[in-house]
């Protein structure tokens, strides 16, 4: 079990990218959050099997057909033990 803090930059706001992340994370049985940042990036916390988190990161580069991801940064962070689902944060 791992937890990653992920930042996606590029054309990732106003194109359904957060909902794409939510769908992929749920498909991969991950918990965490996704939210827009004021600088135009999207911030993701993903927790679960490391293989599934790496698959999510790979899928982020592909995007949803409307988004265009220029860069992704990620780092491992401490686990959030009480987290039960993956959700959008506004």
Protein backbone atom coordinates (compact mmCIF):
# COMPACT_ATOMS: atom_id res chain seq x y z
CA UNK A 1 0.00 0.00 0.00
CA UNK A 2 1.40 3.36 -1.11
CA UNK A 3 0.20 6.96 -1.41
CA UNK A 4 1.39 9.39 -4.07
CA UNK A 5 0.99 13.14 -4.48
CA UNK A 6 0.68 13.83 -8.21
CA UNK A 7 0.57 17.13 -10.11
CA UNK A 8 -0.57 17.16 -13.75
CA UNK A 9 0.09 20.25 -15.84
CA UNK A 10 -0.99 21.25 -19.32
CA UNK A 11 -4.54 21.61 -20.63
CA UNK A 12 -6.14 19.82 -17.70
CA UNK A 13 -8.83 22.22 -16.49
CA UNK A 14 -12.19 22.79 -18.14
CA UNK A 15 -11.89 19.60 -20.23
CA UNK A 16 -13.33 16.91 -17.92
CA UNK A 17 -9.90 15.78 -16.75
CA UNK A 18 -10.85 15.49 -13.05
CA UNK A 19 -13.78 13.22 -13.91
CA UNK A 20 -11.47 11.15 -16.10
CA UNK A 21 -9.08 10.80 -13.12
CA UNK A 22 -11.99 9.86 -10.83
CA UNK A 23 -13.17 7.14 -13.23
CA UNK A 24 -9.67 5.69 -13.72
CA UNK A 25 -8.88 5.76 -9.99
CA UNK A 26 -12.15 3.97 -9.17
CA UNK A 27 -11.47 1.38 -11.88
CA UNK A 28 -8.06 0.76 -10.30
CA UNK A 29 -9.52 0.52 -6.75
CA UNK A 30 -7.58 3.55 -5.51
CA UNK A 31 -8.60 5.97 -2.80
CA UNK A 32 -7.70 9.65 -2.71
CA UNK A 33 -8.71 13.00 -4.14
CA UNK A 34 -8.45 15.10 -7.28
CA UNK A 35 -8.84 18.87 -7.44
CA UNK A 36 -8.02 21.88 -9.59
CA UNK A 37 -5.27 24.21 -8.44
CA UNK A 38 -5.45 27.97 -8.92
CA UNK A 39 -2.36 27.86 -11.19
CA UNK A 40 -4.12 25.69 -13.81
CA UNK A 41 -2.69 22.34 -12.68
CA UNK A 42 -4.60 19.38 -11.29
CA UNK A 43 -3.56 17.89 -7.93
CA UNK A 44 -4.13 14.21 -7.21
CA UNK A 45 -3.58 12.12 -4.10
CA UNK A 46 -3.78 8.42 -4.98
CA UNK A 47 -3.52 5.58 -2.49
CA UNK A 48 -3.51 1.84 -3.03
CA UNK A 49 -1.44 -0.83 -4.71
CA UNK A 50 1.69 0.82 -6.16
CA UNK A 51 1.25 -1.00 -9.47
CA UNK A 52 -2.23 0.52 -9.79
CA UNK A 53 -0.97 4.01 -8.94
CA UNK A 54 1.72 3.72 -11.63
CA UNK A 55 -0.98 2.57 -14.07
CA UNK A 56 -3.04 5.65 -13.16
CA UNK A 57 -0.04 7.90 -13.84
CA UNK A 58 0.41 6.22 -17.22
CA UNK A 59 -3.27 6.79 -18.03
CA UNK A 60 -2.97 10.47 -17.04
CA UNK A 61 -0.52 11.03 -19.88
CA UNK A 62 -3.07 9.62 -22.34
CA UNK A 63 -5.84 11.81 -20.95
CA UNK A 64 -9.48 11.81 -21.98
CA UNK A 65 -9.17 13.04 -25.57
CA UNK A 66 -9.87 16.66 -24.62
CA UNK A 67 -6.98 17.14 -22.20
CA UNK A 68 -3.32 17.53 -23.07
CA UNK A 69 -0.90 16.68 -20.26
CA UNK A 70 2.49 18.35 -20.63
CA UNK A 71 4.09 17.12 -17.41
CA UNK A 72 3.40 14.99 -14.37
CA UNK A 73 5.32 15.15 -11.11
CA UNK A 74 4.80 12.57 -8.39
CA UNK A 75 6.24 11.69 -5.03
CA UNK A 76 5.42 9.19 -2.34
CA UNK A 77 3.76 10.65 0.77
CA UNK A 78 2.52 9.13 4.06
CA UNK A 79 -0.58 6.92 3.97
CA UNK A 80 -4.00 8.30 4.91
CA UNK A 81 -5.42 5.42 6.96
CA UNK A 82 -9.02 6.65 7.26
CA UNK A 83 -9.58 7.21 3.54
CA UNK A 84 -12.32 5.00 2.09
CA UNK A 85 -12.94 6.26 -1.47
CA UNK A 86 -11.67 8.44 -4.31
CA UNK A 87 -13.45 11.76 -4.68
CA UNK A 88 -13.46 15.17 -6.30
CA UNK A 89 -12.52 18.07 -4.06
CA UNK A 90 -13.79 21.54 -4.96
